[in-house]
Full PDB file with SEQRES, HELIX, SHEET, SSBOND, CRYST1, ORIGX, SCALE, CONECT and MASTER records, all heavy atoms in Angstrom:
SEQRES   1 A   29  LEU TYR TYR CYS ALA LYS GLY VAL ARG PRO LEU LEU VAL          
SEQRES   2 A   29  PHE ARG THR ASP TRP GLU ASP GLU TYR ASP TYR TRP GLY          
SEQRES   3 A   29  GLN GLY THR                                                  
HELIX    1 AA1 TRP A   18  GLU A   21  5                                   4    
SHEET    1 AA1 2 ALA A   5  GLY A   7  0                                        
SHEET    2 AA1 2 TYR A  22  TRP A  25 -1                                        
CRYST1    1.000    1.000    1.000  90.00  90.00  90.00 P 1           1          
ORIGX1      1.000000  0.000000  0.000000        0.00000                         
ORIGX2      0.000000  1.000000  0.000000        0.00000                         
ORIGX3      0.000000  0.000000  1.000000        0.00000                         
SCALE1      1.000000  0.000000  0.000000        0.00000                         
SCALE2      0.000000  1.000000  0.000000        0.00000                         
SCALE3      0.000000  0.000000  1.000000        0.00000                         
ATOM      1  N   LEU A   1     -75.998 -67.604 -11.582  1.00  0.00           N  
ATOM      2  CA  LEU A   1     -75.582 -68.246 -10.328  1.00  0.00           C  
ATOM      3  C   LEU A   1     -74.104 -68.593 -10.495  1.00  0.00           C  
ATOM      4  O   LEU A   1     -73.738 -69.329 -11.444  1.00  0.00           O  
ATOM      5  CB  LEU A   1     -76.434 -69.507 -10.095  1.00  0.00           C  
ATOM      6  CG  LEU A   1     -76.249 -70.187  -8.730  1.00  0.00           C  
ATOM      7  CD1 LEU A   1     -76.667 -69.286  -7.588  1.00  0.00           C  
ATOM      8  CD2 LEU A   1     -77.048 -71.466  -8.697  1.00  0.00           C  
ATOM      9  N   TYR A   2     -73.286 -68.117  -9.596  1.00  0.00           N  
ATOM     10  CA  TYR A   2     -71.841 -68.282  -9.668  1.00  0.00           C  
ATOM     11  C   TYR A   2     -71.373 -69.379  -8.754  1.00  0.00           C  
ATOM     12  O   TYR A   2     -71.684 -69.358  -7.559  1.00  0.00           O  
ATOM     13  CB  TYR A   2     -71.101 -66.991  -9.385  1.00  0.00           C  
ATOM     14  CG  TYR A   2     -71.122 -66.017 -10.543  1.00  0.00           C  
ATOM     15  CD1 TYR A   2     -72.264 -65.359 -10.899  1.00  0.00           C  
ATOM     16  CD2 TYR A   2     -69.924 -65.738 -11.241  1.00  0.00           C  
ATOM     17  CE1 TYR A   2     -72.284 -64.462 -11.961  1.00  0.00           C  
ATOM     18  CE2 TYR A   2     -69.948 -64.845 -12.283  1.00  0.00           C  
ATOM     19  CZ  TYR A   2     -71.119 -64.224 -12.667  1.00  0.00           C  
ATOM     20  OH  TYR A   2     -71.121 -63.325 -13.715  1.00  0.00           O  
ATOM     21  N   TYR A   3     -70.609 -70.321  -9.265  1.00  0.00           N  
ATOM     22  CA  TYR A   3     -70.075 -71.439  -8.484  1.00  0.00           C  
ATOM     23  C   TYR A   3     -68.564 -71.412  -8.418  1.00  0.00           C  
ATOM     24  O   TYR A   3     -67.906 -71.062  -9.406  1.00  0.00           O  
ATOM     25  CB  TYR A   3     -70.444 -72.762  -9.122  1.00  0.00           C  
ATOM     26  CG  TYR A   3     -71.933 -73.069  -9.275  1.00  0.00           C  
ATOM     27  CD1 TYR A   3     -72.622 -72.737 -10.411  1.00  0.00           C  
ATOM     28  CD2 TYR A   3     -72.613 -73.697  -8.249  1.00  0.00           C  
ATOM     29  CE1 TYR A   3     -73.957 -73.017 -10.586  1.00  0.00           C  
ATOM     30  CE2 TYR A   3     -73.976 -73.991  -8.372  1.00  0.00           C  
ATOM     31  CZ  TYR A   3     -74.641 -73.626  -9.546  1.00  0.00           C  
ATOM     32  OH  TYR A   3     -75.970 -73.902  -9.640  1.00  0.00           O  
ATOM     33  N   CYS A   4     -67.997 -71.820  -7.309  1.00  0.00           N  
ATOM     34  CA  CYS A   4     -66.560 -72.117  -7.323  1.00  0.00           C  
ATOM     35  C   CYS A   4     -66.406 -73.605  -7.391  1.00  0.00           C  
ATOM     36  O   CYS A   4     -67.270 -74.376  -7.010  1.00  0.00           O  
ATOM     37  CB  CYS A   4     -65.842 -71.557  -6.049  1.00  0.00           C  
ATOM     38  SG  CYS A   4     -66.289 -72.287  -4.479  1.00  0.00           S  
ATOM     39  N   ALA A   5     -65.283 -74.010  -7.999  1.00  0.00           N  
ATOM     40  CA  ALA A   5     -65.057 -75.447  -8.281  1.00  0.00           C  
ATOM     41  C   ALA A   5     -63.623 -75.806  -7.994  1.00  0.00           C  
ATOM     42  O   ALA A   5     -62.681 -75.030  -8.279  1.00  0.00           O  
ATOM     43  CB  ALA A   5     -65.394 -75.744  -9.741  1.00  0.00           C  
ATOM     44  N   LYS A   6     -63.400 -76.947  -7.418  1.00  0.00           N  
ATOM     45  CA  LYS A   6     -62.096 -77.479  -7.103  1.00  0.00           C  
ATOM     46  C   LYS A   6     -61.570 -78.303  -8.267  1.00  0.00           C  
ATOM     47  O   LYS A   6     -62.233 -79.216  -8.744  1.00  0.00           O  
ATOM     48  CB  LYS A   6     -62.154 -78.365  -5.879  1.00  0.00           C  
ATOM     49  CG  LYS A   6     -60.869 -79.126  -5.597  1.00  0.00           C  
ATOM     50  CD  LYS A   6     -61.062 -80.182  -4.498  1.00  0.00           C  
ATOM     51  CE  LYS A   6     -59.858 -81.039  -4.349  1.00  0.00           C  
ATOM     52  NZ  LYS A   6     -59.655 -81.923  -5.524  1.00  0.00           N  
ATOM     53  N   GLY A   7     -60.382 -77.979  -8.748  1.00  0.00           N  
ATOM     54  CA  GLY A   7     -59.724 -78.714  -9.807  1.00  0.00           C  
ATOM     55  C   GLY A   7     -59.212 -80.079  -9.269  1.00  0.00           C  
ATOM     56  O   GLY A   7     -59.163 -80.309  -8.054  1.00  0.00           O  
ATOM     57  N   VAL A   8     -58.860 -80.936 -10.197  1.00  0.00           N  
ATOM     58  CA  VAL A   8     -58.364 -82.244  -9.859  1.00  0.00           C  
ATOM     59  C   VAL A   8     -56.836 -82.310  -9.893  1.00  0.00           C  
ATOM     60  O   VAL A   8     -56.268 -83.377  -9.552  1.00  0.00           O  
ATOM     61  CB  VAL A   8     -58.932 -83.336 -10.781  1.00  0.00           C  
ATOM     62  CG1 VAL A   8     -60.451 -83.353 -10.714  1.00  0.00           C  
ATOM     63  CG2 VAL A   8     -58.451 -83.158 -12.219  1.00  0.00           C  
ATOM     64  N   ARG A   9     -56.183 -81.218 -10.221  1.00  0.00           N  
ATOM     65  CA  ARG A   9     -54.716 -81.152 -10.325  1.00  0.00           C  
ATOM     66  C   ARG A   9     -54.248 -79.723 -10.035  1.00  0.00           C  
ATOM     67  O   ARG A   9     -55.078 -78.821  -9.973  1.00  0.00           O  
ATOM     68  CB  ARG A   9     -54.309 -81.621 -11.735  1.00  0.00           C  
ATOM     69  CG  ARG A   9     -54.770 -80.768 -12.825  1.00  0.00           C  
ATOM     70  CD  ARG A   9     -54.459 -81.389 -14.198  1.00  0.00           C  
ATOM     71  NE  ARG A   9     -55.554 -82.231 -14.669  1.00  0.00           N  
ATOM     72  CZ  ARG A   9     -55.485 -83.548 -14.774  1.00  0.00           C  
ATOM     73  NH1 ARG A   9     -54.323 -84.168 -14.518  1.00  0.00           N  
ATOM     74  NH2 ARG A   9     -56.513 -84.227 -15.200  1.00  0.00           N  
ATOM     75  N   PRO A  10     -52.955 -79.505  -9.818  1.00  0.00           N  
ATOM     76  CA  PRO A  10     -52.499 -78.175  -9.457  1.00  0.00           C  
ATOM     77  C   PRO A  10     -52.634 -77.135 -10.562  1.00  0.00           C  
ATOM     78  O   PRO A  10     -52.742 -75.970 -10.288  1.00  0.00           O  
ATOM     79  CB  PRO A  10     -51.009 -78.359  -9.141  1.00  0.00           C  
ATOM     80  CG  PRO A  10     -50.883 -79.794  -8.794  1.00  0.00           C  
ATOM     81  CD  PRO A  10     -51.873 -80.492  -9.676  1.00  0.00           C  
ATOM     82  N   LEU A  11     -52.623 -77.595 -11.824  1.00  0.00           N  
ATOM     83  CA  LEU A  11     -52.657 -76.699 -12.969  1.00  0.00           C  
ATOM     84  C   LEU A  11     -54.004 -76.767 -13.636  1.00  0.00           C  
ATOM     85  O   LEU A  11     -54.760 -77.692 -13.470  1.00  0.00           O  
ATOM     86  CB  LEU A  11     -51.561 -77.059 -13.977  1.00  0.00           C  
ATOM     87  CG  LEU A  11     -50.127 -77.225 -13.438  1.00  0.00           C  
ATOM     88  CD1 LEU A  11     -49.180 -77.512 -14.601  1.00  0.00           C  
ATOM     89  CD2 LEU A  11     -49.688 -75.971 -12.707  1.00  0.00           C  
ATOM     90  N   LEU A  12     -54.336 -75.702 -14.407  1.00  0.00           N  
ATOM     91  CA  LEU A  12     -55.557 -75.687 -15.215  1.00  0.00           C  
ATOM     92  C   LEU A  12     -55.327 -76.444 -16.508  1.00  0.00           C  
ATOM     93  O   LEU A  12     -54.300 -76.297 -17.120  1.00  0.00           O  
ATOM     94  CB  LEU A  12     -55.963 -74.267 -15.489  1.00  0.00           C  
ATOM     95  CG  LEU A  12     -56.383 -73.412 -14.322  1.00  0.00           C  
ATOM     96  CD1 LEU A  12     -56.499 -71.960 -14.753  1.00  0.00           C  
ATOM     97  CD2 LEU A  12     -57.696 -73.884 -13.766  1.00  0.00           C  
ATOM     98  N   VAL A  13     -56.311 -77.224 -16.901  1.00  0.00           N  
ATOM     99  CA  VAL A  13     -56.299 -77.943 -18.128  1.00  0.00           C  
ATOM    100  C   VAL A  13     -57.600 -77.620 -18.867  1.00  0.00           C  
ATOM    101  O   VAL A  13     -58.679 -77.770 -18.268  1.00  0.00           O  
ATOM    102  CB  VAL A  13     -56.136 -79.456 -17.952  1.00  0.00           C  
ATOM    103  CG1 VAL A  13     -56.285 -80.181 -19.281  1.00  0.00           C  
ATOM    104  CG2 VAL A  13     -54.789 -79.760 -17.329  1.00  0.00           C  
ATOM    105  N   PHE A  14     -57.501 -77.217 -20.115  1.00  0.00           N  
ATOM    106  CA  PHE A  14     -58.667 -76.780 -20.873  1.00  0.00           C  
ATOM    107  C   PHE A  14     -58.920 -77.857 -21.955  1.00  0.00           C  
ATOM    108  O   PHE A  14     -58.064 -78.127 -22.787  1.00  0.00           O  
ATOM    109  CB  PHE A  14     -58.447 -75.442 -21.496  1.00  0.00           C  
ATOM    110  CG  PHE A  14     -58.173 -74.348 -20.493  1.00  0.00           C  
ATOM    111  CD1 PHE A  14     -56.894 -74.014 -20.151  1.00  0.00           C  
ATOM    112  CD2 PHE A  14     -59.205 -73.735 -19.839  1.00  0.00           C  
ATOM    113  CE1 PHE A  14     -56.601 -73.053 -19.221  1.00  0.00           C  
ATOM    114  CE2 PHE A  14     -58.983 -72.759 -18.877  1.00  0.00           C  
ATOM    115  CZ  PHE A  14     -57.686 -72.420 -18.577  1.00  0.00           C  
ATOM    116  N   ARG A  15     -60.102 -78.436 -21.945  1.00  0.00           N  
ATOM    117  CA  ARG A  15     -60.473 -79.425 -22.901  1.00  0.00           C  
ATOM    118  C   ARG A  15     -61.982 -79.357 -23.140  1.00  0.00           C  
ATOM    119  O   ARG A  15     -62.693 -78.657 -22.423  1.00  0.00           O  
ATOM    120  CB  ARG A  15     -60.073 -80.818 -22.420  1.00  0.00           C  
ATOM    121  CG  ARG A  15     -60.734 -81.280 -21.145  1.00  0.00           C  
ATOM    122  CD  ARG A  15     -60.016 -82.493 -20.596  1.00  0.00           C  
ATOM    123  NE  ARG A  15     -60.863 -83.258 -19.674  1.00  0.00           N  
ATOM    124  CZ  ARG A  15     -60.423 -84.203 -18.900  1.00  0.00           C  
ATOM    125  NH1 ARG A  15     -59.131 -84.528 -18.843  1.00  0.00           N  
ATOM    126  NH2 ARG A  15     -61.255 -84.876 -18.082  1.00  0.00           N  
ATOM    127  N   THR A  16     -62.452 -80.112 -24.143  1.00  0.00           N  
ATOM    128  CA  THR A  16     -63.850 -80.055 -24.526  1.00  0.00           C  
ATOM    129  C   THR A  16     -64.780 -80.363 -23.351  1.00  0.00           C  
ATOM    130  O   THR A  16     -65.710 -79.640 -23.077  1.00  0.00           O  
ATOM    131  CB  THR A  16     -64.131 -81.005 -25.675  1.00  0.00           C  
ATOM    132  OG1 THR A  16     -63.290 -80.632 -26.793  1.00  0.00           O  
ATOM    133  CG2 THR A  16     -65.579 -80.928 -26.096  1.00  0.00           C  
ATOM    134  N   ASP A  17     -64.495 -81.436 -22.654  1.00  0.00           N  
ATOM    135  CA  ASP A  17     -65.302 -81.814 -21.493  1.00  0.00           C  
ATOM    136  C   ASP A  17     -64.671 -81.197 -20.215  1.00  0.00           C  
ATOM    137  O   ASP A  17     -64.233 -81.905 -19.319  1.00  0.00           O  
ATOM    138  CB  ASP A  17     -65.380 -83.324 -21.367  1.00  0.00           C  
ATOM    139  CG  ASP A  17     -66.125 -83.983 -22.499  1.00  0.00           C  
ATOM    140  OD1 ASP A  17     -67.086 -83.357 -23.037  1.00  0.00           O  
ATOM    141  OD2 ASP A  17     -65.794 -85.107 -22.871  1.00  0.00           O  
ATOM    142  N   TRP A  18     -64.713 -79.877 -20.181  1.00  0.00           N  
ATOM    143  CA  TRP A  18     -63.982 -79.151 -19.150  1.00  0.00           C  
ATOM    144  C   TRP A  18     -64.489 -79.438 -17.755  1.00  0.00           C  
ATOM    145  O   TRP A  18     -63.687 -79.376 -16.790  1.00  0.00           O  
ATOM    146  CB  TRP A  18     -64.028 -77.614 -19.403  1.00  0.00           C  
ATOM    147  CG  TRP A  18     -65.400 -77.027 -19.319  1.00  0.00           C  
ATOM    148  CD1 TRP A  18     -66.306 -76.888 -20.313  1.00  0.00           C  
ATOM    149  CD2 TRP A  18     -66.025 -76.475 -18.123  1.00  0.00           C  
ATOM    150  NE1 TRP A  18     -67.436 -76.263 -19.857  1.00  0.00           N  
ATOM    151  CE2 TRP A  18     -67.284 -76.041 -18.523  1.00  0.00           C  
ATOM    152  CE3 TRP A  18     -65.585 -76.338 -16.791  1.00  0.00           C  
ATOM    153  CZ2 TRP A  18     -68.146 -75.427 -17.617  1.00  0.00           C  
ATOM    154  CZ3 TRP A  18     -66.469 -75.765 -15.887  1.00  0.00           C  
ATOM    155  CH2 TRP A  18     -67.738 -75.301 -16.319  1.00  0.00           C  
ATOM    156  N   GLU A  19     -65.738 -79.803 -17.605  1.00  0.00           N  
ATOM    157  CA  GLU A  19     -66.314 -80.098 -16.289  1.00  0.00           C  
ATOM    158  C   GLU A  19     -65.645 -81.269 -15.623  1.00  0.00           C  
ATOM    159  O   GLU A  19     -65.614 -81.368 -14.407  1.00  0.00           O  
ATOM    160  CB  GLU A  19     -67.797 -80.320 -16.368  1.00  0.00           C  
ATOM    161  CG  GLU A  19     -68.599 -79.051 -16.754  1.00  0.00           C  
ATOM    162  CD  GLU A  19     -70.082 -79.322 -16.830  1.00  0.00           C  
ATOM    163  OE1 GLU A  19     -70.605 -80.090 -16.003  1.00  0.00           O  
ATOM    164  OE2 GLU A  19     -70.742 -78.753 -17.747  1.00  0.00           O  
ATOM    165  N   ASP A  20     -65.010 -82.143 -16.413  1.00  0.00           N  
ATOM    166  CA  ASP A  20     -64.341 -83.320 -15.856  1.00  0.00           C  
ATOM    167  C   ASP A  20     -63.061 -82.928 -15.131  1.00  0.00           C  
ATOM    168  O   ASP A  20     -62.469 -83.771 -14.433  1.00  0.00           O  
ATOM    169  CB  ASP A  20     -64.023 -84.323 -16.955  1.00  0.00           C  
ATOM    170  CG  ASP A  20     -65.242 -85.011 -17.525  1.00  0.00           C  
ATOM    171  OD1 ASP A  20     -66.314 -84.944 -16.878  1.00  0.00           O  
ATOM    172  OD2 ASP A  20     -65.158 -85.579 -18.615  1.00  0.00           O  
ATOM    173  N   GLU A  21     -62.613 -81.707 -15.308  1.00  0.00           N  
ATOM    174  CA  GLU A  21     -61.462 -81.238 -14.566  1.00  0.00           C  
ATOM    175  C   GLU A  21     -61.745 -80.731 -13.192  1.00  0.00           C  
ATOM    176  O   GLU A  21     -60.843 -80.293 -12.455  1.00  0.00           O  
ATOM    177  CB  GLU A  21     -60.755 -80.087 -15.374  1.00  0.00           C  
ATOM    178  CG  GLU A  21     -59.951 -80.586 -16.565  1.00  0.00           C  
ATOM    179  CD  GLU A  21     -58.703 -81.311 -16.098  1.00  0.00           C  
ATOM    180  OE1 GLU A  21     -57.931 -80.781 -15.280  1.00  0.00           O  
ATOM    181  OE2 GLU A  21     -58.477 -82.438 -16.624  1.00  0.00           O  
ATOM    182  N   TYR A  22     -63.001 -80.879 -12.748  1.00  0.00           N  
ATOM    183  CA  TYR A  22     -63.429 -80.386 -11.402  1.00  0.00           C  
ATOM    184  C   TYR A  22     -64.212 -81.454 -10.724  1.00  0.00           C  
ATOM    185  O   TYR A  22     -65.151 -82.043 -11.312  1.00  0.00           O  
ATOM    186  CB  TYR A  22     -64.233 -79.070 -11.562  1.00  0.00           C  
ATOM    187  CG  TYR A  22     -63.415 -78.034 -12.281  1.00  0.00           C  
ATOM    188  CD1 TYR A  22     -63.473 -77.901 -13.673  1.00  0.00           C  
ATOM    189  CD2 TYR A  22     -62.577 -77.218 -11.579  1.00  0.00           C  
ATOM    190  CE1 TYR A  22     -62.710 -76.969 -14.351  1.00  0.00           C  
ATOM    191  CE2 TYR A  22     -61.781 -76.295 -12.250  1.00  0.00           C  
ATOM    192  CZ  TYR A  22     -61.870 -76.167 -13.634  1.00  0.00           C  
ATOM    193  OH  TYR A  22     -61.085 -75.265 -14.321  1.00  0.00           O  
ATOM    194  N   ASP A  23     -63.902 -81.748  -9.474  1.00  0.00           N  
ATOM    195  CA  ASP A  23     -64.555 -82.837  -8.751  1.00  0.00           C  
ATOM    196  C   ASP A  23     -65.454 -82.384  -7.607  1.00  0.00           C  
ATOM    197  O   ASP A  23     -66.235 -83.171  -7.122  1.00  0.00           O  
ATOM    198  CB  ASP A  23     -63.511 -83.861  -8.260  1.00  0.00           C  
ATOM    199  CG  ASP A  23     -62.396 -83.264  -7.397  1.00  0.00           C  
ATOM    200  OD1 ASP A  23     -62.366 -82.045  -7.166  1.00  0.00           O  
ATOM    201  OD2 ASP A  23     -61.581 -84.065  -6.953  1.00  0.00           O  
ATOM    202  N   TYR A  24     -65.379 -81.097  -7.209  1.00  0.00           N  
ATOM    203  CA  TYR A  24     -66.271 -80.579  -6.197  1.00  0.00           C  
ATOM    204  C   TYR A  24     -66.702 -79.189  -6.541  1.00  0.00           C  
ATOM    205  O   TYR A  24     -65.933 -78.372  -7.103  1.00  0.00           O  
ATOM    206  CB  TYR A  24     -65.614 -80.579  -4.803  1.00  0.00           C  
ATOM    207  CG  TYR A  24     -65.393 -81.982  -4.242  1.00  0.00           C  
ATOM    208  CD1 TYR A  24     -64.194 -82.633  -4.397  1.00  0.00           C  
ATOM    209  CD2 TYR A  24     -66.420 -82.627  -3.559  1.00  0.00           C  
ATOM    210  CE1 TYR A  24     -64.003 -83.911  -3.932  1.00  0.00           C  
ATOM    211  CE2 TYR A  24     -66.227 -83.918  -3.056  1.00  0.00           C  
ATOM    212  CZ  TYR A  24     -65.024 -84.537  -3.248  1.00  0.00           C  
ATOM    213  OH  TYR A  24     -64.831 -85.809  -2.738  1.00  0.00           O  
ATOM    214  N   TRP A  25     -67.975 -78.894  -6.222  1.00  0.00           N  
ATOM    215  CA  TRP A  25     -68.624 -77.619  -6.527  1.00  0.00           C  
ATOM    216  C   TRP A  25     -69.309 -77.050  -5.328  1.00  0.00           C  
ATOM    217  O   TRP A  25     -69.864 -77.771  -4.477  1.00  0.00           O  
ATOM    218  CB  TRP A  25     -69.613 -77.779  -7.648  1.00  0.00           C  
ATOM    219  CG  TRP A  25     -69.026 -78.263  -8.943  1.00  0.00           C  
ATOM    220  CD1 TRP A  25     -68.632 -79.554  -9.199  1.00  0.00           C  
ATOM    221  CD2 TRP A  25     -68.786 -77.534 -10.150  1.00  0.00           C  
ATOM    222  NE1 TRP A  25     -68.123 -79.660 -10.498  1.00  0.00           N  
ATOM    223  CE2 TRP A  25     -68.197 -78.403 -11.089  1.00  0.00           C  
ATOM    224  CE3 TRP A  25     -68.978 -76.193 -10.486  1.00  0.00           C  
ATOM    225  CZ2 TRP A  25     -67.847 -78.000 -12.338  1.00  0.00           C  
ATOM    226  CZ3 TRP A  25     -68.593 -75.778 -11.724  1.00  0.00           C  
ATOM    227  CH2 TRP A  25     -68.041 -76.700 -12.666  1.00  0.00           C  
ATOM    228  N   GLY A  26     -69.311 -75.746  -5.218  1.00  0.00           N  
ATOM    229  CA  GLY A  26     -70.091 -75.113  -4.155  1.00  0.00           C  
ATOM    230  C   GLY A  26     -71.545 -75.034  -4.490  1.00  0.00           C  
ATOM    231  O   GLY A  26     -71.985 -75.540  -5.530  1.00  0.00           O  
ATOM    232  N   GLN A  27     -72.328 -74.457  -3.611  1.00  0.00           N  
ATOM    233  CA  GLN A  27     -73.782 -74.383  -3.773  1.00  0.00           C  
ATOM    234  C   GLN A  27     -74.170 -73.195  -4.668  1.00  0.00           C  
ATOM    235  O   GLN A  27     -75.296 -73.148  -5.156  1.00  0.00           O  
ATOM    236  CB  GLN A  27     -74.460 -74.237  -2.425  1.00  0.00           C  
ATOM    237  CG  GLN A  27     -74.558 -72.850  -1.825  1.00  0.00           C  
ATOM    238  CD  GLN A  27     -73.230 -72.234  -1.387  1.00  0.00           C  
ATOM    239  OE1 GLN A  27     -72.233 -72.956  -1.264  1.00  0.00           O  
ATOM    240  NE2 GLN A  27     -73.223 -70.950  -1.107  1.00  0.00           N  
ATOM    241  N   GLY A  28     -73.272 -72.281  -4.894  1.00  0.00           N  
ATOM    242  CA  GLY A  28     -73.537 -71.103  -5.760  1.00  0.00           C  
ATOM    243  C   GLY A  28     -73.981 -69.910  -4.974  1.00  0.00           C  
ATOM    244  O   GLY A  28     -74.598 -69.979  -3.919  1.00  0.00           O  
ATOM    245  N   THR A  29     -73.681 -68.736  -5.561  1.00  0.00           N  
ATOM    246  CA  THR A  29     -74.153 -67.454  -5.036  1.00  0.00           C  
ATOM    247  C   THR A  29     -74.665 -66.620  -6.210  1.00  0.00           C  
ATOM    248  O   THR A  29     -74.079 -66.584  -7.298  1.00  0.00           O  
ATOM    249  CB  THR A  29     -73.042 -66.670  -4.281  1.00  0.00           C  
ATOM    250  OG1 THR A  29     -73.580 -65.502  -3.688  1.00  0.00           O  
ATOM    251  CG2 THR A  29     -71.884 -66.336  -5.227  1.00  0.00           C  
TER     252      THR A  29                                                      
MASTER        0    0    0    1    2    0    0    6  251    1    0    3          
END                                                                             
């Protein structure tokens, strides 16, 4: 199931708790 996700900032940040960099998610396809 593939989801799109909105970041919390203009740039990508990669860290251990990566899900915390996204605040909204779609329903999935």
